[in-house]
Amino acid sequence: MAEVLEVHNAVVRSLIARHSGYEVKTIGDSFFVAFSELLNAVRFATQLQLELLHVSWPESLLAERDGSRLLDDDGVVLWCGLRVRVGIHVGSARVEVDPETLRADYFGPAVNFAARVESKALGGQVLLSEAALSLLDEQARVEVVLAEVGLYAFKGIEGTQTLYSVCDAALRGRSFPAEAQLLLCNRCKGPAVCPLCDGDDS
């Protein structure tokens, strides 16, 4: 696992630098990255999925079902190695300097929601919030493939929001397991933040 993370981290950090991102911090094996431009965030995420296909992964990972090399009918590599999920959201944040690392850290509702968007993605998938999609300009839309994924309920947010997948055209053949997109309360099967029984399944 250490070798897998070393490869993953090297690819992520290379792309952060290439697309003018800022590595806020790592949490376990996850990266929290900030961008001043939405287009750079989208390019980072879509390029990440491509570059992870072409690095030297340990044979032990490639031997696993979720790490194996899979091609489409035209011989295009769709899957190979670690399957990383990404969530993208836009908004303002409160910035504080960590007294130990002396690096800027970001806080606030937009940061929290970005993490929730990421949590809904599956391995190998990049998801955009409604807010992010609304700010995606025509240049960015031409570069990528966009698709509506479905409705999700989020803790602390009234109603539901639609999330969208984004990928490079080379990976448009990737498919993900079909699942109910609207999260439901485990007790009464109402919305995840349920007014009927105050259930909280998010």
N, C-alpha and C. Protein backbone atom coordinates (compact mmCIF):
# COMPACT_ATOMS: atom_id res chain seq x y z
N MET A 1 0.82 -1.21 0.00
CA MET A 1 0.00 0.00 0.00
C MET A 1 0.86 1.26 0.00
N ALA A 2 1.96 1.22 0.69
CA ALA A 2 2.85 2.39 0.74
C ALA A 2 3.36 2.74 -0.65
N GLU A 3 3.71 1.71 -1.43
CA GLU A 3 4.21 1.95 -2.78
C GLU A 3 3.11 2.53 -3.67
N VAL A 4 1.88 2.04 -3.51
CA VAL A 4 0.75 2.55 -4.28
C VAL A 4 0.52 4.02 -3.97
N LEU A 5 0.54 4.38 -2.69
CA LEU A 5 0.33 5.77 -2.30
C LEU A 5 1.45 6.67 -2.79
N GLU A 6 2.66 6.15 -2.79
CA GLU A 6 3.79 6.93 -3.28
C GLU A 6 3.60 7.29 -4.76
N VAL A 7 3.16 6.33 -5.56
CA VAL A 7 2.91 6.58 -6.98
C VAL A 7 1.76 7.58 -7.13
N HIS A 8 0.67 7.33 -6.43
CA HIS A 8 -0.51 8.21 -6.46
C HIS A 8 -0.14 9.64 -6.08
N ASN A 9 0.57 9.80 -4.99
CA ASN A 9 0.90 11.14 -4.51
C ASN A 9 1.80 11.90 -5.48
N ALA A 10 2.71 11.19 -6.11
CA ALA A 10 3.61 11.83 -7.08
C ALA A 10 2.83 12.36 -8.28
N VAL A 11 1.87 11.57 -8.77
CA VAL A 11 1.06 12.01 -9.91
C VAL A 11 0.20 13.21 -9.52
N VAL A 12 -0.44 13.13 -8.36
CA VAL A 12 -1.30 14.22 -7.91
C VAL A 12 -0.51 15.52 -7.77
N ARG A 13 0.64 15.45 -7.13
CA ARG A 13 1.42 16.67 -6.89
C ARG A 13 1.98 17.25 -8.19
N SER A 14 2.33 16.39 -9.12
CA SER A 14 2.79 16.88 -10.42
C SER A 14 1.70 17.66 -11.13
N LEU A 15 0.48 17.16 -11.07
CA LEU A 15 -0.64 17.82 -11.75
C LEU A 15 -1.10 19.07 -11.01
N ILE A 16 -0.99 19.07 -9.69
CA ILE A 16 -1.31 20.29 -8.93
C ILE A 16 -0.41 21.43 -9.41
N ALA A 17 0.87 21.16 -9.53
CA ALA A 17 1.81 22.18 -9.98
C ALA A 17 1.52 22.60 -11.43
N ARG A 18 1.21 21.62 -12.28
CA ARG A 18 0.98 21.90 -13.70
C ARG A 18 -0.24 22.79 -13.91
N HIS A 19 -1.25 22.64 -13.04
CA HIS A 19 -2.50 23.37 -13.23
C HIS A 19 -2.70 24.47 -12.19
N SER A 20 -1.60 24.93 -11.61
CA SER A 20 -1.62 26.09 -10.71
C SER A 20 -2.54 25.91 -9.52
N GLY A 21 -2.54 24.71 -8.96
CA GLY A 21 -3.34 24.46 -7.76
C GLY A 21 -2.52 24.68 -6.50
N TYR A 22 -3.19 24.59 -5.37
CA TYR A 22 -2.53 24.75 -4.07
C TYR A 22 -2.91 23.56 -3.20
N GLU A 23 -1.91 22.80 -2.80
CA GLU A 23 -2.15 21.66 -1.91
C GLU A 23 -2.38 22.18 -0.50
N VAL A 24 -3.61 22.17 -0.07
CA VAL A 24 -3.95 22.66 1.27
C VAL A 24 -3.44 21.69 2.32
N LYS A 25 -3.79 20.41 2.16
CA LYS A 25 -3.34 19.39 3.09
C LYS A 25 -3.75 18.02 2.56
N THR A 26 -3.22 17.00 3.20
CA THR A 26 -3.67 15.63 2.93
C THR A 26 -4.37 15.12 4.18
N ILE A 27 -5.39 14.32 3.96
CA ILE A 27 -6.13 13.70 5.05
C ILE A 27 -6.18 12.22 4.74
N GLY A 28 -5.33 11.45 5.43
CA GLY A 28 -5.21 10.04 5.08
C GLY A 28 -4.61 9.92 3.70
N ASP A 29 -5.32 9.27 2.78
CA ASP A 29 -4.82 9.14 1.40
C ASP A 29 -5.50 10.13 0.47
N SER A 30 -6.22 11.11 1.03
CA SER A 30 -6.94 12.10 0.23
C SER A 30 -6.21 13.44 0.21
N PHE A 31 -6.38 14.16 -0.90
CA PHE A 31 -5.80 15.49 -1.06
C PHE A 31 -6.91 16.54 -1.03
N PHE A 32 -6.65 17.62 -0.33
CA PHE A 32 -7.52 18.80 -0.37
C PHE A 32 -6.75 19.84 -1.15
N VAL A 33 -7.28 20.19 -2.34
CA VAL A 33 -6.58 21.08 -3.26
C VAL A 33 -7.48 22.26 -3.60
N ALA A 34 -6.91 23.47 -3.63
CA ALA A 34 -7.65 24.68 -3.99
C ALA A 34 -7.11 25.24 -5.29
N PHE A 35 -8.03 25.79 -6.08
CA PHE A 35 -7.67 26.43 -7.36
C PHE A 35 -8.34 27.79 -7.42
N SER A 36 -7.66 28.75 -8.01
CA SER A 36 -8.25 30.07 -8.19
C SER A 36 -9.14 30.12 -9.42
N GLU A 37 -8.97 29.15 -10.34
CA GLU A 37 -9.75 29.09 -11.56
C GLU A 37 -10.42 27.72 -11.69
N LEU A 38 -11.72 27.74 -11.94
CA LEU A 38 -12.46 26.49 -12.08
C LEU A 38 -11.92 25.63 -13.21
N LEU A 39 -11.57 26.24 -14.34
CA LEU A 39 -11.06 25.48 -15.47
C LEU A 39 -9.81 24.69 -15.08
N ASN A 40 -8.95 25.28 -14.28
CA ASN A 40 -7.75 24.55 -13.84
C ASN A 40 -8.11 23.35 -12.98
N ALA A 41 -9.14 23.50 -12.14
CA ALA A 41 -9.58 22.38 -11.31
C ALA A 41 -10.11 21.24 -12.16
N VAL A 42 -10.89 21.58 -13.19
CA VAL A 42 -11.45 20.56 -14.08
C VAL A 42 -10.34 19.88 -14.87
N ARG A 43 -9.42 20.66 -15.39
CA ARG A 43 -8.30 20.07 -16.13
C ARG A 43 -7.45 19.17 -15.23
N PHE A 44 -7.21 19.60 -14.02
CA PHE A 44 -6.46 18.78 -13.06
C PHE A 44 -7.16 17.43 -12.87
N ALA A 45 -8.45 17.47 -12.61
CA ALA A 45 -9.18 16.25 -12.29
C ALA A 45 -9.27 15.30 -13.48
N THR A 46 -9.54 15.84 -14.66
CA THR A 46 -9.67 14.97 -15.83
C THR A 46 -8.31 14.42 -16.26
N GLN A 47 -7.28 15.23 -16.17
CA GLN A 47 -5.94 14.74 -16.50
C GLN A 47 -5.45 13.71 -15.47
N LEU A 48 -5.85 13.89 -14.23
CA LEU A 48 -5.48 12.91 -13.20
C LEU A 48 -5.98 11.53 -13.58
N GLN A 49 -7.24 11.44 -14.00
CA GLN A 49 -7.78 10.14 -14.37
C GLN A 49 -7.02 9.51 -15.54
N LEU A 50 -6.57 10.33 -16.47
CA LEU A 50 -5.79 9.82 -17.60
C LEU A 50 -4.40 9.36 -17.18
N GLU A 51 -3.72 10.19 -16.42
CA GLU A 51 -2.32 9.89 -16.07
C GLU A 51 -2.20 8.70 -15.14
N LEU A 52 -3.22 8.48 -14.31
CA LEU A 52 -3.17 7.31 -13.43
C LEU A 52 -3.21 6.00 -14.20
N LEU A 53 -3.63 6.06 -15.46
CA LEU A 53 -3.68 4.85 -16.29
C LEU A 53 -2.31 4.43 -16.80
N HIS A 54 -1.35 5.35 -16.78
CA HIS A 54 -0.10 5.11 -17.50
C HIS A 54 1.15 5.21 -16.62
N VAL A 55 0.96 4.98 -15.33
CA VAL A 55 2.12 4.95 -14.43
C VAL A 55 2.42 3.50 -14.07
N SER A 56 3.56 3.29 -13.44
CA SER A 56 3.99 1.93 -13.10
C SER A 56 3.43 1.53 -11.74
N TRP A 57 2.29 0.85 -11.77
CA TRP A 57 1.68 0.39 -10.53
C TRP A 57 2.29 -0.95 -10.11
N PRO A 58 2.32 -1.23 -8.82
CA PRO A 58 2.82 -2.53 -8.35
C PRO A 58 1.97 -3.68 -8.92
N GLU A 59 2.59 -4.78 -9.24
CA GLU A 59 1.88 -5.92 -9.79
C GLU A 59 0.78 -6.41 -8.84
N SER A 60 1.01 -6.26 -7.55
CA SER A 60 0.01 -6.70 -6.57
C SER A 60 -1.31 -5.94 -6.75
N LEU A 61 -1.23 -4.65 -7.09
CA LEU A 61 -2.44 -3.87 -7.33
C LEU A 61 -3.10 -4.28 -8.63
N LEU A 62 -2.31 -4.47 -9.67
CA LEU A 62 -2.85 -4.83 -10.99
C LEU A 62 -3.51 -6.21 -10.98
N ALA A 63 -3.14 -7.04 -10.01
CA ALA A 63 -3.72 -8.37 -9.90
C ALA A 63 -5.09 -8.36 -9.23
N GLU A 64 -5.42 -7.23 -8.59
CA GLU A 64 -6.72 -7.12 -7.93
C GLU A 64 -7.80 -6.74 -8.94
N ARG A 65 -9.04 -7.13 -8.66
CA ARG A 65 -10.13 -6.82 -9.58
C ARG A 65 -10.30 -5.32 -9.79
N ASP A 66 -10.19 -4.54 -8.71
CA ASP A 66 -10.38 -3.09 -8.81
C ASP A 66 -9.11 -2.35 -9.21
N GLY A 67 -8.06 -3.09 -9.56
CA GLY A 67 -6.84 -2.44 -10.01
C GLY A 67 -6.37 -2.95 -11.36
N SER A 68 -7.11 -3.88 -11.91
CA SER A 68 -6.68 -4.54 -13.14
C SER A 68 -6.81 -3.63 -14.36
N ARG A 69 -6.10 -4.00 -15.41
CA ARG A 69 -6.10 -3.23 -16.65
C ARG A 69 -7.24 -3.69 -17.55
N LEU A 70 -8.13 -2.76 -17.91
CA LEU A 70 -9.28 -3.09 -18.74
C LEU A 70 -9.34 -2.16 -19.94
N LEU A 71 -9.61 -2.72 -21.12
CA LEU A 71 -9.68 -1.96 -22.36
C LEU A 71 -11.10 -1.99 -22.91
N ASP A 72 -11.43 -0.96 -23.72
CA ASP A 72 -12.72 -1.01 -24.40
C ASP A 72 -12.58 -1.80 -25.70
N ASP A 73 -13.64 -1.85 -26.50
CA ASP A 73 -13.65 -2.66 -27.72
C ASP A 73 -12.66 -2.15 -28.76
N ASP A 74 -12.24 -0.89 -28.63
CA ASP A 74 -11.29 -0.31 -29.58
C ASP A 74 -9.85 -0.37 -29.07
N GLY A 75 -9.65 -1.03 -27.93
CA GLY A 75 -8.30 -1.15 -27.39
C GLY A 75 -7.84 0.02 -26.55
N VAL A 76 -8.77 0.93 -26.22
CA VAL A 76 -8.43 2.08 -25.37
C VAL A 76 -8.45 1.65 -23.91
N VAL A 77 -7.41 2.00 -23.17
CA VAL A 77 -7.34 1.65 -21.76
C VAL A 77 -8.33 2.52 -20.97
N LEU A 78 -9.28 1.87 -20.32
CA LEU A 78 -10.26 2.58 -19.51
C LEU A 78 -9.93 2.53 -18.03
N TRP A 79 -9.32 1.44 -17.61
CA TRP A 79 -9.00 1.25 -16.20
C TRP A 79 -7.62 0.62 -16.07
N CYS A 80 -6.85 1.11 -15.12
CA CYS A 80 -5.56 0.50 -14.81
C CYS A 80 -5.03 1.12 -13.53
N GLY A 81 -4.89 0.31 -12.50
CA GLY A 81 -4.33 0.80 -11.25
C GLY A 81 -5.36 1.40 -10.33
N LEU A 82 -4.90 2.28 -9.48
CA LEU A 82 -5.74 2.87 -8.43
C LEU A 82 -6.89 3.66 -9.04
N ARG A 83 -8.07 3.50 -8.47
CA ARG A 83 -9.26 4.21 -8.94
C ARG A 83 -9.57 5.33 -7.95
N VAL A 84 -9.34 6.55 -8.40
CA VAL A 84 -9.40 7.73 -7.53
C VAL A 84 -10.66 8.53 -7.84
N ARG A 85 -11.32 8.98 -6.82
CA ARG A 85 -12.52 9.80 -7.00
C ARG A 85 -12.20 11.26 -6.68
N VAL A 86 -12.92 12.17 -7.37
CA VAL A 86 -12.69 13.60 -7.22
C VAL A 86 -14.02 14.33 -7.17
N GLY A 87 -14.13 15.31 -6.29
CA GLY A 87 -15.31 16.17 -6.24
C GLY A 87 -14.89 17.63 -6.42
N ILE A 88 -15.67 18.39 -7.21
CA ILE A 88 -15.35 19.79 -7.48
C ILE A 88 -16.55 20.66 -7.14
N HIS A 89 -16.28 21.70 -6.35
CA HIS A 89 -17.31 22.69 -5.99
C HIS A 89 -16.65 24.06 -5.99
N VAL A 90 -17.44 25.11 -6.09
CA VAL A 90 -16.91 26.47 -6.08
C VAL A 90 -17.57 27.27 -4.96
N GLY A 91 -16.84 28.26 -4.45
CA GLY A 91 -17.39 29.12 -3.41
C GLY A 91 -16.30 29.82 -2.63
N SER A 92 -16.72 30.72 -1.77
CA SER A 92 -15.77 31.45 -0.93
C SER A 92 -15.45 30.65 0.32
N ALA A 93 -14.27 30.89 0.87
CA ALA A 93 -13.85 30.17 2.07
C ALA A 93 -13.09 31.11 3.01
N ARG A 94 -13.09 30.76 4.27
CA ARG A 94 -12.28 31.48 5.25
C ARG A 94 -10.89 30.88 5.25
N VAL A 95 -9.89 31.73 5.16
CA VAL A 95 -8.50 31.26 5.08
C VAL A 95 -7.79 31.56 6.40
N GLU A 96 -7.15 30.54 6.95
CA GLU A 96 -6.35 30.68 8.16
C GLU A 96 -5.01 30.01 7.96
N VAL A 97 -3.98 30.58 8.54
CA VAL A 97 -2.64 29.99 8.44
C VAL A 97 -2.44 29.02 9.60
N ASP A 98 -2.10 27.79 9.26
CA ASP A 98 -1.83 26.78 10.29
C ASP A 98 -0.56 27.17 11.04
N PRO A 99 -0.62 27.29 12.36
CA PRO A 99 0.56 27.75 13.12
C PRO A 99 1.74 26.79 13.09
N GLU A 100 1.47 25.51 12.80
CA GLU A 100 2.55 24.53 12.77
C GLU A 100 3.17 24.40 11.39
N THR A 101 2.33 24.29 10.37
CA THR A 101 2.85 24.11 9.02
C THR A 101 3.10 25.43 8.30
N LEU A 102 2.49 26.50 8.80
CA LEU A 102 2.57 27.83 8.19
C LEU A 102 1.97 27.85 6.78
N ARG A 103 1.08 26.89 6.51
CA ARG A 103 0.39 26.84 5.24
C ARG A 103 -1.05 27.31 5.42
N ALA A 104 -1.60 27.88 4.37
CA ALA A 104 -2.99 28.34 4.41
C ALA A 104 -3.94 27.15 4.45
N ASP A 105 -4.94 27.24 5.30
CA ASP A 105 -6.00 26.23 5.36
C ASP A 105 -7.33 26.93 5.08
N TYR A 106 -8.29 26.17 4.57
CA TYR A 106 -9.55 26.75 4.12
C TYR A 106 -10.71 26.13 4.90
N PHE A 107 -11.66 26.98 5.29
CA PHE A 107 -12.80 26.54 6.10
C PHE A 107 -14.08 27.18 5.58
N GLY A 108 -15.21 26.58 5.94
CA GLY A 108 -16.50 27.16 5.61
C GLY A 108 -17.42 26.21 4.87
N PRO A 109 -18.67 26.63 4.64
CA PRO A 109 -19.66 25.77 3.98
C PRO A 109 -19.24 25.27 2.61
N ALA A 110 -18.56 26.11 1.82
CA ALA A 110 -18.15 25.68 0.48
C ALA A 110 -17.15 24.53 0.56
N VAL A 111 -16.25 24.61 1.53
CA VAL A 111 -15.25 23.55 1.72
C VAL A 111 -15.94 22.26 2.14
N ASN A 112 -16.87 22.38 3.08
CA ASN A 112 -17.59 21.20 3.55
C ASN A 112 -18.39 20.54 2.43
N PHE A 113 -19.01 21.37 1.59
CA PHE A 113 -19.83 20.81 0.52
C PHE A 113 -18.95 20.15 -0.54
N ALA A 114 -17.78 20.72 -0.80
CA ALA A 114 -16.86 20.09 -1.75
C ALA A 114 -16.52 18.67 -1.30
N ALA A 115 -16.30 18.51 0.00
CA ALA A 115 -15.99 17.18 0.54
C ALA A 115 -17.18 16.23 0.37
N ARG A 116 -18.38 16.75 0.50
CA ARG A 116 -19.57 15.91 0.34
C ARG A 116 -19.77 15.50 -1.11
N VAL A 117 -19.47 16.41 -2.03
CA VAL A 117 -19.55 16.05 -3.45
C VAL A 117 -18.56 14.92 -3.74
N GLU A 118 -17.34 15.06 -3.24
CA GLU A 118 -16.32 14.02 -3.46
C GLU A 118 -16.77 12.68 -2.89
N SER A 119 -17.47 12.71 -1.76
CA SER A 119 -17.88 11.46 -1.11
C SER A 119 -18.92 10.70 -1.93
N LYS A 120 -19.62 11.38 -2.82
CA LYS A 120 -20.62 10.72 -3.66
C LYS A 120 -20.01 10.08 -4.91
N ALA A 121 -18.79 10.47 -5.25
CA ALA A 121 -18.14 9.91 -6.45
C ALA A 121 -17.71 8.47 -6.20
N LEU A 122 -17.65 7.71 -7.25
CA LEU A 122 -17.11 6.36 -7.21
C LEU A 122 -15.66 6.40 -7.70
N GLY A 123 -14.92 5.34 -7.43
CA GLY A 123 -13.54 5.30 -7.86
C GLY A 123 -13.41 5.48 -9.36
N GLY A 124 -12.56 6.43 -9.78
CA GLY A 124 -12.39 6.71 -11.20
C GLY A 124 -13.36 7.73 -11.75
N GLN A 125 -14.15 8.34 -10.86
CA GLN A 125 -15.19 9.29 -11.29
C GLN A 125 -14.90 10.69 -10.76
N VAL A 126 -15.20 11.71 -11.57
CA VAL A 126 -15.09 13.11 -11.16
C VAL A 126 -16.49 13.70 -11.17
N LEU A 127 -16.91 14.29 -10.04
CA LEU A 127 -18.23 14.88 -9.95
C LEU A 127 -18.14 16.39 -9.76
N LEU A 128 -19.07 17.10 -10.39
CA LEU A 128 -19.20 18.55 -10.26
C LEU A 128 -20.51 18.87 -9.55
N SER A 129 -20.48 19.91 -8.72
CA SER A 129 -21.72 20.41 -8.13
C SER A 129 -22.47 21.25 -9.15
N GLU A 130 -23.73 21.56 -8.84
CA GLU A 130 -24.52 22.44 -9.71
C GLU A 130 -23.84 23.80 -9.85
N ALA A 131 -23.31 24.30 -8.73
CA ALA A 131 -22.66 25.62 -8.77
C ALA A 131 -21.45 25.60 -9.68
N ALA A 132 -20.67 24.53 -9.61
CA ALA A 132 -19.48 24.44 -10.46
C ALA A 132 -19.87 24.36 -11.92
N LEU A 133 -20.86 23.54 -12.23
CA LEU A 133 -21.29 23.41 -13.63
C LEU A 133 -21.77 24.75 -14.19
N SER A 134 -22.49 25.52 -13.37
CA SER A 134 -23.05 26.78 -13.84
C SER A 134 -21.97 27.78 -14.22
N LEU A 135 -20.77 27.63 -13.66
CA LEU A 135 -19.68 28.56 -13.94
C LEU A 135 -18.69 28.02 -14.96
N LEU A 136 -18.95 26.84 -15.46
CA LEU A 136 -18.04 26.23 -16.43
C LEU A 136 -18.28 26.87 -17.80
N ASP A 137 -17.25 27.53 -18.33
CA ASP A 137 -17.44 28.27 -19.57
C ASP A 137 -17.40 27.35 -20.79
N GLU A 138 -17.67 27.93 -21.95
CA GLU A 138 -17.76 27.15 -23.18
C GLU A 138 -16.45 26.47 -23.53
N GLN A 139 -15.34 27.14 -23.24
CA GLN A 139 -14.03 26.54 -23.53
C GLN A 139 -13.88 25.22 -22.78
N ALA A 140 -14.25 25.23 -21.51
CA ALA A 140 -14.12 24.03 -20.69
C ALA A 140 -15.08 22.94 -21.17
N ARG A 141 -16.29 23.33 -21.53
CA ARG A 141 -17.29 22.34 -21.96
C ARG A 141 -16.88 21.64 -23.25
N VAL A 142 -16.14 22.33 -24.11
CA VAL A 142 -15.66 21.73 -25.34
C VAL A 142 -14.57 20.69 -25.06
N GLU A 143 -13.79 20.93 -24.01
CA GLU A 143 -12.65 20.06 -23.72
C GLU A 143 -13.05 18.73 -23.11
N VAL A 144 -14.22 18.64 -22.47
CA VAL A 144 -14.56 17.47 -21.68
C VAL A 144 -15.92 16.90 -22.07
N VAL A 145 -16.24 15.76 -21.47
CA VAL A 145 -17.54 15.14 -21.63
C VAL A 145 -18.30 15.31 -20.31
N LEU A 146 -19.47 15.91 -20.37
CA LEU A 146 -20.30 16.16 -19.19
C LEU A 146 -21.55 15.29 -19.24
N ALA A 147 -21.99 14.84 -18.07
CA ALA A 147 -23.22 14.06 -18.01
C ALA A 147 -23.88 14.24 -16.65
N GLU A 148 -25.19 14.34 -16.66
CA GLU A 148 -25.92 14.41 -15.39
C GLU A 148 -25.90 13.04 -14.74
N VAL A 149 -25.57 13.01 -13.45
CA VAL A 149 -25.52 11.74 -12.72
C VAL A 149 -26.82 11.49 -11.99
N GLY A 150 -27.33 12.49 -11.28
CA GLY A 150 -28.60 12.29 -10.58
C GLY A 150 -28.75 13.23 -9.40
N LEU A 151 -29.82 13.03 -8.65
CA LEU A 151 -30.15 13.86 -7.50
C LEU A 151 -29.58 13.28 -6.22
N TYR A 152 -29.12 14.16 -5.36
CA TYR A 152 -28.59 13.75 -4.06
C TYR A 152 -29.14 14.66 -2.98
N ALA A 153 -29.37 14.09 -1.82
CA ALA A 153 -29.71 14.88 -0.63
C ALA A 153 -28.46 15.04 0.21
N PHE A 154 -28.28 16.22 0.79
CA PHE A 154 -27.11 16.50 1.60
C PHE A 154 -27.53 17.04 2.97
N LYS A 155 -26.85 16.60 3.98
CA LYS A 155 -27.12 17.06 5.33
C LYS A 155 -26.98 18.58 5.42
N GLY A 156 -27.98 19.23 6.04
CA GLY A 156 -27.92 20.66 6.26
C GLY A 156 -28.32 21.51 5.07
N ILE A 157 -28.71 20.86 3.97
CA ILE A 157 -29.09 21.59 2.76
C ILE A 157 -30.51 21.18 2.37
N GLU A 158 -31.40 22.14 2.26
CA GLU A 158 -32.78 21.86 1.95
C GLU A 158 -32.92 21.34 0.52
N GLY A 159 -33.79 20.35 0.37
CA GLY A 159 -34.05 19.80 -0.96
C GLY A 159 -32.92 18.92 -1.45
N THR A 160 -32.82 18.80 -2.77
CA THR A 160 -31.79 17.96 -3.38
C THR A 160 -31.00 18.79 -4.39
N GLN A 161 -29.83 18.26 -4.74
CA GLN A 161 -29.01 18.90 -5.76
C GLN A 161 -28.57 17.86 -6.78
N THR A 162 -28.45 18.31 -8.00
CA THR A 162 -27.99 17.43 -9.07
C THR A 162 -26.47 17.49 -9.16
N LEU A 163 -25.85 16.33 -9.29
CA LEU A 163 -24.41 16.26 -9.51
C LEU A 163 -24.16 15.80 -10.95
N TYR A 164 -23.00 16.21 -11.47
CA TYR A 164 -22.65 15.94 -12.87
C TYR A 164 -21.27 15.30 -12.95
N SER A 165 -21.12 14.36 -13.85
CA SER A 165 -19.81 13.76 -14.06
C SER A 165 -19.09 14.51 -15.17
N VAL A 166 -17.78 14.53 -15.08
CA VAL A 166 -16.95 15.16 -16.10
C VAL A 166 -15.75 14.26 -16.35
N CYS A 167 -15.38 14.08 -17.61
CA CYS A 167 -14.23 13.26 -17.94
C CYS A 167 -13.64 13.69 -19.28
N ASP A 168 -12.43 13.27 -19.54
CA ASP A 168 -11.83 13.45 -20.85
C ASP A 168 -12.55 12.54 -21.84
N ALA A 169 -12.61 12.97 -23.10
CA ALA A 169 -13.31 12.18 -24.12
C ALA A 169 -12.75 10.77 -24.24
N ALA A 170 -11.47 10.60 -23.94
CA ALA A 170 -10.86 9.27 -24.05
C ALA A 170 -11.44 8.28 -23.05
N LEU A 171 -12.07 8.79 -21.98
CA LEU A 171 -12.60 7.91 -20.94
C LEU A 171 -14.12 7.90 -20.92
N ARG A 172 -14.75 8.35 -21.99
CA ARG A 172 -16.20 8.39 -22.01
C ARG A 172 -16.79 6.98 -21.96
N GLY A 173 -15.99 5.97 -22.25
CA GLY A 173 -16.46 4.59 -22.20
C GLY A 173 -16.51 4.00 -20.81
N ARG A 174 -16.03 4.72 -19.82
CA ARG A 174 -16.11 4.21 -18.44
C ARG A 174 -17.58 4.13 -18.01
N SER A 175 -17.91 3.08 -17.31
CA SER A 175 -19.27 2.95 -16.76
C SER A 175 -19.16 2.69 -15.26
N PHE A 176 -20.23 3.08 -14.57
CA PHE A 176 -20.25 2.94 -13.12
C PHE A 176 -21.53 2.23 -12.71
N PRO A 177 -21.48 1.50 -11.59
CA PRO A 177 -22.67 0.75 -11.16
C PRO A 177 -23.88 1.67 -11.01
N ALA A 178 -25.02 1.22 -11.53
CA ALA A 178 -26.25 1.98 -11.36
C ALA A 178 -26.68 1.90 -9.91
N GLU A 179 -27.12 3.03 -9.37
CA GLU A 179 -27.57 3.04 -7.98
C GLU A 179 -28.55 4.18 -7.81
N ALA A 180 -29.39 4.09 -6.80
CA ALA A 180 -30.34 5.16 -6.51
C ALA A 180 -29.56 6.42 -6.14
N GLN A 181 -29.81 7.50 -6.83
CA GLN A 181 -29.04 8.71 -6.62
C GLN A 181 -29.56 9.53 -5.44
N LEU A 182 -30.87 9.41 -5.12
CA LEU A 182 -31.42 10.16 -4.00
C LEU A 182 -31.22 9.35 -2.74
N LEU A 183 -30.36 9.84 -1.84
CA LEU A 183 -30.10 9.12 -0.61
C LEU A 183 -31.35 9.12 0.26
N LEU A 184 -31.64 7.99 0.90
CA LEU A 184 -32.85 7.86 1.70
C LEU A 184 -32.52 7.55 3.15
N CYS A 185 -33.43 7.99 4.01
CA CYS A 185 -33.30 7.70 5.43
C CYS A 185 -33.47 6.20 5.65
N ASN A 186 -32.60 5.57 6.45
CA ASN A 186 -32.67 4.13 6.69
C ASN A 186 -33.91 3.73 7.47
N ARG A 187 -34.48 4.70 8.22
CA ARG A 187 -35.62 4.34 9.06
C ARG A 187 -36.94 4.34 8.30
N CYS A 188 -37.21 5.42 7.55
CA CYS A 188 -38.53 5.52 6.93
C CYS A 188 -38.47 5.62 5.42
N LYS A 189 -37.25 5.61 4.86
CA LYS A 189 -37.03 5.71 3.42
C LYS A 189 -37.48 7.06 2.85
N GLY A 190 -37.56 8.06 3.71
CA GLY A 190 -37.77 9.43 3.26
C GLY A 190 -36.43 10.04 2.92
N PRO A 191 -36.41 11.39 2.66
CA PRO A 191 -35.14 12.05 2.34
C PRO A 191 -34.11 11.84 3.43
N ALA A 192 -32.82 11.87 3.06
CA ALA A 192 -31.75 11.55 4.00
C ALA A 192 -31.80 12.41 5.24
N VAL A 193 -32.09 13.72 5.10
CA VAL A 193 -32.31 14.56 6.27
C VAL A 193 -33.82 14.66 6.39
N CYS A 194 -34.40 13.77 7.19
CA CYS A 194 -35.81 13.45 7.08
C CYS A 194 -36.68 14.25 8.05
N PRO A 195 -37.66 15.01 7.53
CA PRO A 195 -38.55 15.75 8.41
C PRO A 195 -39.55 14.87 9.13
N LEU A 196 -39.67 13.61 8.69
CA LEU A 196 -40.66 12.71 9.28
C LEU A 196 -40.17 12.06 10.57
N CYS A 197 -38.90 11.67 10.57
CA CYS A 197 -38.39 10.98 11.76
C CYS A 197 -37.07 11.54 12.23
N ASP A 198 -36.62 12.66 11.65
CA ASP A 198 -35.34 13.28 12.01
C ASP A 198 -34.18 12.34 11.78
N GLY A 199 -34.36 11.35 10.91
CA GLY A 199 -33.25 10.46 10.58
C GLY A 199 -32.18 11.23 9.85
N ASP A 200 -30.93 10.82 10.03
CA ASP A 200 -29.81 11.48 9.36
C ASP A 200 -28.89 10.41 8.83
N ASP A 201 -29.00 10.15 7.52
CA ASP A 201 -28.24 9.06 6.92
C ASP A 201 -27.13 9.56 6.03
N SER A 202 -26.76 10.86 6.15
CA SER A 202 -25.75 11.41 5.24
C SER A 202 -24.41 11.51 5.93
